[in-house]
PDB file of N, CA and C in Angstrom:
ATOM      1  N   MET A   1     -30.741  88.872-132.046  1.00  0.00           N
ATOM      2  CA  MET A   1     -31.435  90.031-131.880  1.00  0.00           C
ATOM      3  C   MET A   1     -32.294  90.306-133.315  1.00  0.00           C
ATOM      4  N   ASP A   2     -34.122  89.448-132.160  1.00  0.00           N
ATOM      5  CA  ASP A   2     -35.127  89.746-133.022  1.00  0.00           C
ATOM      6  C   ASP A   2     -35.521  91.036-134.295  1.00  0.00           C
ATOM      7  N   PRO A   3     -35.682  90.608-135.457  1.00  0.00           N
ATOM      8  CA  PRO A   3     -35.925  91.942-136.030  1.00  0.00           C
ATOM      9  C   PRO A   3     -36.925  92.636-135.636  1.00  0.00           C
ATOM     10  N   GLY A   4     -37.768  92.328-134.450  1.00  0.00           N
ATOM     11  CA  GLY A   4     -38.650  93.486-134.321  1.00  0.00           C
ATOM     12  C   GLY A   4     -38.186  94.220-132.957  1.00  0.00           C
ATOM     13  N   GLU A   5     -37.037  93.858-132.287  1.00  0.00           N
ATOM     14  CA  GLU A   5     -36.048  94.727-131.511  1.00  0.00           C
ATOM     15  C   GLU A   5     -35.110  95.310-131.743  1.00  0.00           C
ATOM     16  N   LEU A   6     -34.984  95.089-133.141  1.00  0.00           N
ATOM     17  CA  LEU A   6     -33.170  95.673-133.881  1.00  0.00           C
ATOM     18  C   LEU A   6     -34.806  96.840-133.897  1.00  0.00           C
ATOM     19  N   VAL A   7     -35.832  97.152-135.441  1.00  0.00           N
ATOM     20  CA  VAL A   7     -36.816  98.035-135.747  1.00  0.00           C
ATOM     21  C   VAL A   7     -37.215  98.666-134.088  1.00  0.00           C
ATOM     22  N   ARG A   8     -37.095  98.538-133.362  1.00  0.00           N
ATOM     23  CA  ARG A   8     -37.808  98.958-131.871  1.00  0.00           C
ATOM     24  C   ARG A   8     -36.623 100.460-132.194  1.00  0.00           C
ATOM     25  N   ARG A   9     -35.305 100.060-131.347  1.00  0.00           N
ATOM     26  CA  ARG A   9     -34.356 101.225-131.487  1.00  0.00           C
ATOM     27  C   ARG A   9     -33.129 101.555-132.272  1.00  0.00           C
ATOM     28  N   THR A  10     -34.140 100.782-133.141  1.00  0.00           N
ATOM     29  CA  THR A  10     -33.961 102.046-134.710  1.00  0.00           C
ATOM     30  C   THR A  10     -33.831 102.893-135.046  1.00  0.00           C
ATOM     31  N   ARG A  11     -36.172 103.247-135.378  1.00  0.00           N
ATOM     32  CA  ARG A  11     -36.964 103.804-134.608  1.00  0.00           C
ATOM     33  C   ARG A  11     -36.510 104.736-133.477  1.00  0.00           C
ATOM     34  N   GLU A  12     -36.210 104.332-132.421  1.00  0.00           N
ATOM     35  CA  GLU A  12     -35.896 105.267-131.382  1.00  0.00           C
ATOM     36  C   GLU A  12     -34.543 106.150-131.440  1.00  0.00           C
ATOM     37  N   GLU A  13     -33.527 105.363-132.003  1.00  0.00           N
ATOM     38  CA  GLU A  13     -32.420 106.170-131.704  1.00  0.00           C
ATOM     39  C   GLU A  13     -32.498 107.301-132.971  1.00  0.00           C
ATOM     40  N   GLN A  14     -33.338 106.878-134.745  1.00  0.00           N
ATOM     41  CA  GLN A  14     -33.747 107.848-134.996  1.00  0.00           C
ATOM     42  C   GLN A  14     -34.399 109.320-134.904  1.00  0.00           C
ATOM     43  N   ARG A  15     -34.874 108.648-133.517  1.00  0.00           N
ATOM     44  CA  ARG A  15     -36.276 109.497-132.972  1.00  0.00           C
ATOM     45  C   ARG A  15     -37.539 109.575-133.843  1.00  0.00           C
ATOM     46  N   LEU A  16     -37.836 108.704-134.443  1.00  0.00           N
ATOM     47  CA  LEU A  16     -39.164 109.059-134.736  1.00  0.00           C
ATOM     48  C   LEU A  16     -40.248 108.282-134.195  1.00  0.00           C
ATOM     49  N   THR A  17     -41.470 108.620-134.744  1.00  0.00           N
ATOM     50  CA  THR A  17     -42.941 108.232-133.684  1.00  0.00           C
ATOM     51  C   THR A  17     -43.112 106.844-134.464  1.00  0.00           C
ATOM     52  N   LEU A  18     -44.161 106.148-134.021  1.00  0.00           N
ATOM     53  CA  LEU A  18     -44.823 105.139-134.970  1.00  0.00           C
ATOM     54  C   LEU A  18     -45.342 105.499-136.125  1.00  0.00           C
ATOM     55  N   ALA A  19     -46.367 105.995-135.692  1.00  0.00           N
ATOM     56  CA  ALA A  19     -47.122 107.301-136.727  1.00  0.00           C
ATOM     57  C   ALA A  19     -46.128 107.433-138.306  1.00  0.00           C
ATOM     58  N   GLN A  20     -44.754 108.487-137.372  1.00  0.00           N
ATOM     59  CA  GLN A  20     -43.996 108.258-138.449  1.00  0.00           C
ATOM     60  C   GLN A  20     -43.352 107.471-139.724  1.00  0.00           C
ATOM     61  N   LEU A  21     -42.918 106.345-138.889  1.00  0.00           N
ATOM     62  CA  LEU A  21     -42.644 105.139-139.394  1.00  0.00           C
ATOM     63  C   LEU A  21     -43.585 104.174-140.366  1.00  0.00           C
ATOM     64  N   GLY A  22     -44.538 104.205-139.560  1.00  0.00           N
ATOM     65  CA  GLY A  22     -45.664 103.585-140.485  1.00  0.00           C
ATOM     66  C   GLY A  22     -46.677 104.454-142.034  1.00  0.00           C
ATOM     67  N   LYS A  23     -45.728 106.060-141.998  1.00  0.00           N
ATOM     68  CA  LYS A  23     -45.910 106.194-142.914  1.00  0.00           C
ATOM     69  C   LYS A  23     -45.042 106.016-144.245  1.00  0.00           C
ATOM     70  N   LEU A  24     -43.856 105.441-143.792  1.00  0.00           N
ATOM     71  CA  LEU A  24     -41.955 105.566-144.642  1.00  0.00           C
ATOM     72  C   LEU A  24     -42.760 103.589-144.818  1.00  0.00           C
ATOM     73  N   THR A  25     -43.525 103.446-143.976  1.00  0.00           N
ATOM     74  CA  THR A  25     -43.641 102.023-144.761  1.00  0.00           C
ATOM     75  C   THR A  25     -44.734 101.383-145.622  1.00  0.00           C
ATOM     76  N   GLY A  26     -46.032 102.300-144.640  1.00  0.00           N
ATOM     77  CA  GLY A  26     -47.055 101.812-145.313  1.00  0.00           C
ATOM     78  C   GLY A  26     -48.038 101.474-144.110  1.00  0.00           C
ATOM     79  N   TYR A  27     -47.616 101.567-143.325  1.00  0.00           N
ATOM     80  CA  TYR A  27     -48.248 100.450-142.281  1.00  0.00           C
ATOM     81  C   TYR A  27     -49.001 101.599-141.523  1.00  0.00           C
ATOM     82  N   SER A  28     -50.313 101.130-140.669  1.00  0.00           N
ATOM     83  CA  SER A  28     -50.531 101.905-139.395  1.00  0.00           C
ATOM     84  C   SER A  28     -49.429 102.105-138.160  1.00  0.00           C
ATOM     85  N   ALA A  29     -49.982 102.785-137.704  1.00  0.00           N
ATOM     86  CA  ALA A  29     -48.436 102.822-136.200  1.00  0.00           C
ATOM     87  C   ALA A  29     -49.070 101.895-134.896  1.00  0.00           C
ATOM     88  N   ALA A  30     -50.059 101.540-135.404  1.00  0.00           N
ATOM     89  CA  ALA A  30     -50.825  99.779-134.560  1.00  0.00           C
ATOM     90  C   ALA A  30     -49.931  98.681-134.957  1.00  0.00           C
ATOM     91  N   GLN A  31     -49.889  98.822-136.300  1.00  0.00           N
ATOM     92  CA  GLN A  31     -49.447  97.438-136.710  1.00  0.00           C
ATOM     93  C   GLN A  31     -47.660  97.817-136.694  1.00  0.00           C
ATOM     94  N   VAL A  32     -47.187  98.927-136.976  1.00  0.00           N
ATOM     95  CA  VAL A  32     -46.022  99.056-136.271  1.00  0.00           C
ATOM     96  C   VAL A  32     -45.607  98.444-134.979  1.00  0.00           C
ATOM     97  N   SER A  33     -46.078  98.619-134.456  1.00  0.00           N
ATOM     98  CA  SER A  33     -45.856  98.435-132.668  1.00  0.00           C
ATOM     99  C   SER A  33     -46.246  96.878-132.869  1.00  0.00           C
ATOM    100  N   ARG A  34     -47.512  96.407-133.074  1.00  0.00           N
ATOM    101  CA  ARG A  34     -47.000  94.898-133.333  1.00  0.00           C
ATOM    102  C   ARG A  34     -45.944  94.624-133.760  1.00  0.00           C
ATOM    103  N   TYR A  35     -45.521  94.614-134.826  1.00  0.00           N
ATOM    104  CA  TYR A  35     -44.684  93.998-135.393  1.00  0.00           C
ATOM    105  C   TYR A  35     -43.473  94.501-134.543  1.00  0.00           C
ATOM    106  N   GLU A  36     -43.083  95.425-133.834  1.00  0.00           N
ATOM    107  CA  GLU A  36     -42.005  95.292-132.581  1.00  0.00           C
ATOM    108  C   GLU A  36     -42.407  94.392-131.842  1.00  0.00           C
ATOM    109  N   ARG A  37     -43.071  94.812-131.318  1.00  0.00           N
ATOM    110  CA  ARG A  37     -43.170  94.179-129.673  1.00  0.00           C
ATOM    111  C   ARG A  37     -43.389  92.019-130.421  1.00  0.00           C
ATOM    112  N   GLY A  38     -43.353  92.013-131.235  1.00  0.00           N
ATOM    113  CA  GLY A  38     -43.423  90.504-131.342  1.00  0.00           C
ATOM    114  C   GLY A  38     -44.730  90.284-131.505  1.00  0.00           C
ATOM    115  N   VAL A  39     -45.730  90.437-131.381  1.00  0.00           N
ATOM    116  CA  VAL A  39     -47.385  90.551-131.576  1.00  0.00           C
ATOM    117  C   VAL A  39     -47.610  89.524-132.603  1.00  0.00           C
ATOM    118  N   CYS A  40     -47.126  90.139-133.966  1.00  0.00           N
ATOM    119  CA  CYS A  40     -46.782  89.775-135.502  1.00  0.00           C
ATOM    120  C   CYS A  40     -45.691  89.641-135.934  1.00  0.00           C
ATOM    121  N   PRO A  41     -45.534  88.776-136.232  1.00  0.00           N
ATOM    122  CA  PRO A  41     -44.175  88.197-137.123  1.00  0.00           C
ATOM    123  C   PRO A  41     -43.357  88.785-137.924  1.00  0.00           C
ATOM    124  N   LEU A  42     -42.185  89.501-138.181  1.00  0.00           N
ATOM    125  CA  LEU A  42     -42.023  89.906-138.826  1.00  0.00           C
ATOM    126  C   LEU A  42     -40.592  89.104-140.092  1.00  0.00           C
ATOM    127  N   THR A  43     -41.557  88.509-140.778  1.00  0.00           N
ATOM    128  CA  THR A  43     -40.878  87.153-141.985  1.00  0.00           C
ATOM    129  C   THR A  43     -41.108  87.467-142.966  1.00  0.00           C
ATOM    130  N   ASP A  44     -41.835  88.436-143.321  1.00  0.00           N
ATOM    131  CA  ASP A  44     -42.448  88.546-145.238  1.00  0.00           C
ATOM    132  C   ASP A  44     -40.941  89.587-145.006  1.00  0.00           C
ATOM    133  N   VAL A  45     -40.291  88.717-146.974  1.00  0.00           N
ATOM    134  CA  VAL A  45     -38.947  89.753-146.575  1.00  0.00           C
ATOM    135  C   VAL A  45     -39.635  90.641-147.397  1.00  0.00           C
ATOM    136  N   THR A  46     -40.840  90.768-148.423  1.00  0.00           N
ATOM    137  CA  THR A  46     -41.422  92.855-148.775  1.00  0.00           C
ATOM    138  C   THR A  46     -41.535  93.035-147.271  1.00  0.00           C
ATOM    139  N   MET A  47     -41.628  93.032-146.462  1.00  0.00           N
ATOM    140  CA  MET A  47     -42.066  93.780-145.219  1.00  0.00           C
ATOM    141  C   MET A  47     -40.635  94.086-144.797  1.00  0.00           C
ATOM    142  N   LEU A  48     -39.722  93.565-145.015  1.00  0.00           N
ATOM    143  CA  LEU A  48     -38.302  93.425-144.591  1.00  0.00           C
ATOM    144  C   LEU A  48     -37.807  94.342-144.822  1.00  0.00           C
ATOM    145  N   ARG A  49     -37.975  94.042-145.956  1.00  0.00           N
ATOM    146  CA  ARG A  49     -37.118  95.764-146.706  1.00  0.00           C
ATOM    147  C   ARG A  49     -37.982  96.732-146.512  1.00  0.00           C
ATOM    148  N   ARG A  50     -39.474  96.792-146.854  1.00  0.00           N
ATOM    149  CA  ARG A  50     -39.242  97.602-146.324  1.00  0.00           C
ATOM    150  C   ARG A  50     -39.479  98.897-144.726  1.00  0.00           C
ATOM    151  N   PHE A  51     -38.839  98.001-143.737  1.00  0.00           N
ATOM    152  CA  PHE A  51     -38.872  98.536-142.685  1.00  0.00           C
ATOM    153  C   PHE A  51     -36.840  99.207-142.658  1.00  0.00           C
ATOM    154  N   ALA A  52     -36.332  97.700-143.708  1.00  0.00           N
ATOM    155  CA  ALA A  52     -34.872  98.411-143.899  1.00  0.00           C
ATOM    156  C   ALA A  52     -34.243  99.250-144.190  1.00  0.00           C
ATOM    157  N   ASP A  53     -35.243  99.299-146.040  1.00  0.00           N
ATOM    158  CA  ASP A  53     -35.177 101.255-146.221  1.00  0.00           C
ATOM    159  C   ASP A  53     -35.479 102.212-145.730  1.00  0.00           C
ATOM    160  N   ALA A  54     -36.558 102.527-144.763  1.00  0.00           N
ATOM    161  CA  ALA A  54     -36.851 103.319-144.731  1.00  0.00           C
ATOM    162  C   ALA A  54     -36.290 104.125-142.974  1.00  0.00           C
ATOM    163  N   LEU A  55     -35.481 102.991-142.683  1.00  0.00           N
ATOM    164  CA  LEU A  55     -34.604 102.802-141.597  1.00  0.00           C
ATOM    165  C   LEU A  55     -33.446 103.896-141.151  1.00  0.00           C
ATOM    166  N   GLY A  56     -32.983 102.686-142.849  1.00  0.00           N
ATOM    167  CA  GLY A  56     -31.129 102.790-143.457  1.00  0.00           C
ATOM    168  C   GLY A  56     -30.348 101.239-142.071  1.00  0.00           C
ATOM    169  N   ILE A  57     -30.851 100.068-142.086  1.00  0.00           N
ATOM    170  CA  ILE A  57     -30.868  99.724-142.127  1.00  0.00           C
ATOM    171  C   ILE A  57     -30.056  98.803-142.599  1.00  0.00           C
ATOM    172  N   PRO A  58     -28.864  97.835-142.842  1.00  0.00           N
ATOM    173  CA  PRO A  58     -27.861  97.144-143.413  1.00  0.00           C
ATOM    174  C   PRO A  58     -29.229  96.040-143.711  1.00  0.00           C
ATOM    175  N   PRO A  59     -29.982  95.212-144.908  1.00  0.00           N
ATOM    176  CA  PRO A  59     -29.895  94.524-145.041  1.00  0.00           C
ATOM    177  C   PRO A  59     -30.319  93.105-144.135  1.00  0.00           C
ATOM    178  N   GLN A  60     -28.852  93.179-144.552  1.00  0.00           N
ATOM    179  CA  GLN A  60     -28.009  91.687-144.068  1.00  0.00           C
ATOM    180  C   GLN A  60     -28.412  91.815-142.392  1.00  0.00           C
ATOM    181  N   ALA A  61     -28.582  92.766-141.428  1.00  0.00           N
ATOM    182  CA  ALA A  61     -28.698  92.549-139.919  1.00  0.00           C
ATOM    183  C   ALA A  61     -30.526  92.134-139.981  1.00  0.00           C
ATOM    184  N   LEU A  62     -31.248  91.929-141.019  1.00  0.00           N
ATOM    185  CA  LEU A  62     -32.373  91.858-140.861  1.00  0.00           C
ATOM    186  C   LEU A  62     -33.026  89.939-141.388  1.00  0.00           C
ATOM    187  N   GLY A  63     -31.555  89.798-141.722  1.00  0.00           N
ATOM    188  CA  GLY A  63     -31.562  88.372-142.501  1.00  0.00           C
ATOM    189  C   GLY A  63     -32.014  88.413-144.096  1.00  0.00           C
ATOM    190  N   LEU A  64     -31.626  89.274-144.612  1.00  0.00           N
ATOM    191  CA  LEU A  64     -31.852  89.523-146.135  1.00  0.00           C
ATOM    192  C   LEU A  64     -30.695  89.904-147.018  1.00  0.00           C
ATOM    193  N   ALA A  65     -30.460  89.188-148.014  1.00  0.00           N
ATOM    194  CA  ALA A  65     -29.167  89.482-149.084  1.00  0.00           C
ATOM    195  C   ALA A  65     -29.993  91.070-149.734  1.00  0.00           C
ATOM    196  N   PRO A  66     -28.490  91.628-149.903  1.00  0.00           N
ATOM    197  CA  PRO A  66     -28.137  92.674-150.320  1.00  0.00           C
ATOM    198  C   PRO A  66     -28.966  92.886-151.563  1.00  0.00           C
ATOM    199  N   LEU A  67     -29.367  93.511-152.025  1.00  0.00           N
ATOM    200  CA  LEU A  67     -30.059  93.829-153.493  1.00  0.00           C
ATOM    201  C   LEU A  67     -28.938  94.693-154.229  1.00  0.00           C
ATOM    202  N   PRO A  68     -28.392  93.215-155.536  1.00  0.00           N
ATOM    203  CA  PRO A  68     -27.889  93.589-156.669  1.00  0.00           C
ATOM    204  C   PRO A  68     -28.287  95.458-157.326  1.00  0.00           C
ATOM    205  N   ASP A  69     -27.273  96.117-157.744  1.00  0.00           N
ATOM    206  CA  ASP A  69     -27.283  97.185-157.941  1.00  0.00           C
ATOM    207  C   ASP A  69     -27.856  97.779-159.267  1.00  0.00           C
ATOM    208  N   VAL A  70     -27.845  96.591-160.346  1.00  0.00           N
ATOM    209  CA  VAL A  70     -28.278  96.495-161.567  1.00  0.00           C
ATOM    210  C   VAL A  70     -29.166  95.167-162.094  1.00  0.00           C
ATOM    211  N   ARG A  71     -30.108  95.601-162.615  1.00  0.00           N
ATOM    212  CA  ARG A  71     -30.715  94.173-163.075  1.00  0.00           C
ATOM    213  C   ARG A  71     -31.340  94.040-164.043  1.00  0.00           C
ATOM    214  N   HIS A  72     -30.899  93.084-165.026  1.00  0.00           N
ATOM    215  CA  HIS A  72     -31.617  93.139-165.904  1.00  0.00           C
ATOM    216  C   HIS A  72     -31.382  94.043-167.328  1.00  0.00           C
ATOM    217  N   GLY A  73     -30.294  94.847-167.133  1.00  0.00           N
ATOM    218  CA  GLY A  73     -29.867  96.261-167.368  1.00  0.00           C
ATOM    219  C   GLY A  73     -30.230  97.231-166.874  1.00  0.00           C
ATOM    220  N   HIS A  74     -31.063  97.771-165.611  1.00  0.00           N
ATOM    221  CA  HIS A  74     -31.585  98.637-165.369  1.00  0.00           C
ATOM    222  C   HIS A  74     -31.028  98.568-163.834  1.00  0.00           C
ATOM    223  N   VAL A  75     -30.505 100.209-163.591  1.00  0.00           N
ATOM    224  CA  VAL A  75     -30.683 100.187-162.117  1.00  0.00           C
ATOM    225  C   VAL A  75     -31.266 100.427-161.677  1.00  0.00           C
ATOM    226  N   ILE A  76     -30.993  99.840-159.916  1.00  0.00           N
ATOM    227  CA  ILE A  76     -31.922  99.686-159.661  1.00  0.00           C
ATOM    228  C   ILE A  76     -31.972 100.712-157.978  1.00  0.00           C
ATOM    229  N   GLY A  77     -32.711 100.666-156.938  1.00  0.00           N
ATOM    230  CA  GLY A  77     -32.779 101.638-155.901  1.00  0.00           C
ATOM    231  C   GLY A  77     -33.528 101.201-154.964  1.00  0.00           C
ATOM    232  N   PRO A  78     -33.526 102.096-153.822  1.00  0.00           N
ATOM    233  CA  PRO A  78     -34.127 101.524-152.542  1.00  0.00           C
ATOM    234  C   PRO A  78     -35.417 101.176-152.705  1.00  0.00           C
ATOM    235  N   THR A  79     -36.746 100.136-152.264  1.00  0.00           N
ATOM    236  CA  THR A  79     -37.756 100.403-152.784  1.00  0.00           C
ATOM    237  C   THR A  79     -38.838 100.811-152.179  1.00  0.00           C
ATOM    238  N   THR A  80     -38.580 102.353-151.984  1.00  0.00           N
ATOM    239  CA  THR A  80     -38.698 103.499-151.205  1.00  0.00           C
ATOM    240  C   THR A  80     -40.597 103.252-151.831  1.00  0.00           C
ATOM    241  N   GLY A  81     -40.443 103.234-153.378  1.00  0.00           N
ATOM    242  CA  GLY A  81     -41.929 103.463-153.939  1.00  0.00           C
ATOM    243  C   GLY A  81     -42.667 102.600-154.067  1.00  0.00           C
ATOM    244  N   TYR A  82     -43.699 102.147-153.490  1.00  0.00           N
ATOM    245  CA  TYR A  82     -44.697 100.879-153.556  1.00  0.00           C
ATOM    246  C   TYR A  82     -45.838 101.326-154.555  1.00  0.00           C
ATOM    247  N   PRO A  83     -46.252 100.654-155.878  1.00  0.00           N
ATOM    248  CA  PRO A  83     -46.640 100.502-156.282  1.00  0.00           C
ATOM    249  C   PRO A  83     -48.188 100.486-155.984  1.00  0.00           C
ATOM    250  N   ARG A  84     -49.303 100.970-156.305  1.00  0.00           N
ATOM    251  CA  ARG A  84     -50.291 100.798-155.855  1.00  0.00           C
ATOM    252  C   ARG A  84     -50.902  99.703-157.160  1.00  0.00           C
ATOM    253  N   LEU A  85     -51.780  98.862-156.868  1.00  0.00           N
ATOM    254  CA  LEU A  85     -52.909  97.836-157.863  1.00  0.00           C
ATOM    255  C   LEU A  85     -53.758  99.073-158.360  1.00  0.00           C
ATOM    256  N   ARG A  86     -54.195  98.449-159.705  1.00  0.00           N
ATOM    257  CA  ARG A  86     -54.824  99.393-160.626  1.00  0.00           C
ATOM    258  C   ARG A  86     -56.010  98.443-160.111  1.00  0.00           C
ATOM    259  N   ILE A  87     -57.455  99.827-159.352  1.00  0.00           N
ATOM    260  CA  ILE A  87     -58.195  99.376-159.204  1.00  0.00           C
ATOM    261  C   ILE A  87     -59.475  99.045-160.922  1.00  0.00           C
ATOM    262  N   ARG A  88     -60.063  97.843-160.552  1.00  0.00           N
ATOM    263  CA  ARG A  88     -61.572  97.062-161.678  1.00  0.00           C
ATOM    264  C   ARG A  88     -61.988  98.105-161.496  1.00  0.00           C
ATOM    265  N   ARG A  89     -62.313  98.682-162.944  1.00  0.00           N
ATOM    266  CA  ARG A  89     -63.580  99.622-163.596  1.00  0.00           C
ATOM    267  C   ARG A  89     -64.788  98.183-163.625  1.00  0.00           C
ATOM    268  N   GLY A  90     -65.869  98.715-162.606  1.00  0.00           N
ATOM    269  CA  GLY A  90     -66.837  97.589-162.373  1.00  0.00           C
ATOM    270  C   GLY A  90     -68.156  98.556-163.174  1.00  0.00           C
ATOM    271  N   ALA A  91     -69.075  97.967-163.295  1.00  0.00           N
ATOM    272  CA  ALA A  91     -70.654  98.959-163.569  1.00  0.00           C
ATOM    273  C   ALA A  91     -70.377 100.350-163.431  1.00  0.00           C
ATOM    274  N   ALA A  92     -70.331 100.189-162.153  1.00  0.00           N
ATOM    275  CA  ALA A  92     -70.890 101.618-161.270  1.00  0.00           C
ATOM    276  C   ALA A  92     -69.216 102.517-161.703  1.00  0.00           C
ATOM    277  N   GLN A  93     -68.347 102.773-162.462  1.00  0.00           N
ATOM    278  CA  GLN A  93     -67.241 103.656-162.347  1.00  0.00           C
ATOM    279  C   GLN A  93     -66.404 103.185-163.734  1.00  0.00           C
ATOM    280  N   ALA A  94     -67.588 103.305-164.290  1.00  0.00           N
ATOM    281  CA  ALA A  94     -67.844 103.140-165.608  1.00  0.00           C
ATOM    282  C   ALA A  94     -66.918 104.469-166.636  1.00  0.00           C
ATOM    283  N   VAL A  95     -66.390 104.014-167.488  1.00  0.00           N
ATOM    284  CA  VAL A  95     -65.702 105.413-168.345  1.00  0.00           C
ATOM    285  C   VAL A  95     -66.160 105.822-169.512  1.00  0.00           C
ATOM    286  N   ALA A  96     -66.299 107.071-169.386  1.00  0.00           N
ATOM    287  CA  ALA A  96     -67.100 107.476-171.298  1.00  0.00           C
ATOM    288  C   ALA A  96     -66.090 107.361-172.337  1.00  0.00           C
ATOM    289  N   GLY A  97     -67.005 106.705-173.135  1.00  0.00           N
ATOM    290  CA  GLY A  97     -66.568 106.031-174.491  1.00  0.00           C
ATOM    291  C   GLY A  97     -66.707 104.329-174.379  1.00  0.00           C
ATOM    292  N   GLU A  98     -66.237 103.761-172.960  1.00  0.00           N
ATOM    293  CA  GLU A  98     -65.942 102.646-172.644  1.00  0.00           C
ATOM    294  C   GLU A  98     -67.612 102.052-172.451  1.00  0.00           C
ATOM    295  N   PRO A  99     -67.955 100.711-172.764  1.00  0.00           N
ATOM    296  CA  PRO A  99     -69.195  99.792-172.671  1.00  0.00           C
ATOM    297  C   PRO A  99     -68.953  99.639-171.038  1.00  0.00           C
ATOM    298  N   ARG A 100     -69.811  99.393-170.917  1.00  0.00           N
ATOM    299  CA  ARG A 100     -70.263  99.102-169.108  1.00  0.00           C
ATOM    300  C   ARG A 100     -70.178  97.717-169.110  1.00  0.00           C
ATOM    301  N   ALA A 101     -69.981  96.925-168.387  1.00  0.00           N
ATOM    302  CA  ALA A 101     -69.607  95.889-167.532  1.00  0.00           C
ATOM    303  C   ALA A 101     -70.838  95.230-167.681  1.00  0.00           C
ATOM    304  N   VAL A 102     -70.991  94.233-168.179  1.00  0.00           N
ATOM    305  CA  VAL A 102     -72.636  92.466-167.893  1.00  0.00           C
ATOM    306  C   VAL A 102     -72.129  92.173-167.111  1.00  0.00           C
ATOM    307  N   CYS A 103     -73.115  92.285-166.096  1.00  0.00           N
ATOM    308  CA  CYS A 103     -73.064  90.894-165.267  1.00  0.00           C
ATOM    309  C   CYS A 103     -74.031  89.714-166.421  1.00  0.00           C
ATOM    310  N   ARG A 104     -72.945  88.523-166.074  1.00  0.00           N
ATOM    311  CA  ARG A 104     -73.243  87.254-166.527  1.00  0.00           C
ATOM    312  C   ARG A 104     -74.069  86.073-165.585  1.00  0.00           C
ATOM    313  N   ARG A 105     -74.280  86.912-164.464  1.00  0.00           N
ATOM    314  CA  ARG A 105     -75.065  85.818-163.983  1.00  0.00           C
ATOM    315  C   ARG A 105     -76.621  86.751-163.541  1.00  0.00           C
ATOM    316  N   PRO A 106     -77.621  85.394-162.828  1.00  0.00           N
ATOM    317  CA  PRO A 106     -78.504  86.451-163.083  1.00  0.00           C
ATOM    318  C   PRO A 106     -78.739  87.098-161.755  1.00  0.00           C
ATOM    319  N   ARG A 107     -79.581  88.239-161.585  1.00  0.00           N
ATOM    320  CA  ARG A 107     -79.264  88.808-160.268  1.00  0.00           C
ATOM    321  C   ARG A 107     -80.721  89.004-160.195  1.00  0.00           C
ATOM    322  N   PRO A 108     -80.662  89.305-158.135  1.00  0.00           N
ATOM    323  CA  PRO A 108     -81.919  89.577-157.893  1.00  0.00           C
ATOM    324  C   PRO A 108     -82.291  91.439-158.411  1.00  0.00           C
ATOM    325  N   PRO A 109     -83.874  91.516-158.532  1.00  0.00           N
ATOM    326  CA  PRO A 109     -84.236  92.988-158.798  1.00  0.00           C
ATOM    327  C   PRO A 109     -83.309  93.964-157.765  1.00  0.00           C
ATOM    328  N   GLU A 110     -83.545  93.880-156.389  1.00  0.00           N
ATOM    329  CA  GLU A 110     -82.376  94.665-156.066  1.00  0.00           C
ATOM    330  C   GLU A 110     -81.248  94.898-156.427  1.00  0.00           C
ATOM    331  N   CYS A 111     -79.906  93.678-157.253  1.00  0.00           N
ATOM    332  CA  CYS A 111     -79.047  94.454-157.812  1.00  0.00           C
ATOM    333  C   CYS A 111     -79.442  95.720-158.377  1.00  0.00           C
ATOM    334  N   ARG A 112     -78.043  96.646-157.460  1.00  0.00           N
ATOM    335  CA  ARG A 112     -77.956  97.975-158.458  1.00  0.00           C
ATOM    336  C   ARG A 112     -76.513  98.066-158.692  1.00  0.00           C
ATOM    337  N   SER A 113     -75.929  96.528-159.444  1.00  0.00           N
ATOM    338  CA  SER A 113     -74.399  96.755-159.970  1.00  0.00           C
ATOM    339  C   SER A 113     -74.434  96.999-161.769  1.00  0.00           C
ATOM    340  N   CYS A 114     -75.994  96.412-161.839  1.00  0.00           N
ATOM    341  CA  CYS A 114     -76.307  95.968-162.656  1.00  0.00           C
ATOM    342  C   CYS A 114     -76.790  97.393-163.884  1.00  0.00           C
ATOM    343  N   ARG A 115     -77.642  97.771-163.537  1.00  0.00           N
ATOM    344  CA  ARG A 115     -78.845  99.907-163.533  1.00  0.00           C
ATOM    345  C   ARG A 115     -77.301 100.573-164.201  1.00  0.00           C
TER     346      ARG A 115
END
């Protein structure tokens, strides 16, 4: 069975909408629909883990190896919390007490990021 088809059947069995599954996995309802229909292939390991964790599908059913319970001496659980990347602070977002970013290239006079 295709991974997208398995995701769709499991989602429908659990009576989840596309939007609800999207919220659990971090994708839009439209993108989840594209994955289920096979328009966009479900091939990325991280993506497959998100769907497996959100729907309670065994990782082996999606062609993944099971996660170990302990890694580097720490107990690990399901991958439900995905960290957000830290936003780089530029000149426009300078924090009090920190120096402002300096432009290293000549900028045109209408450049507002240097002011």
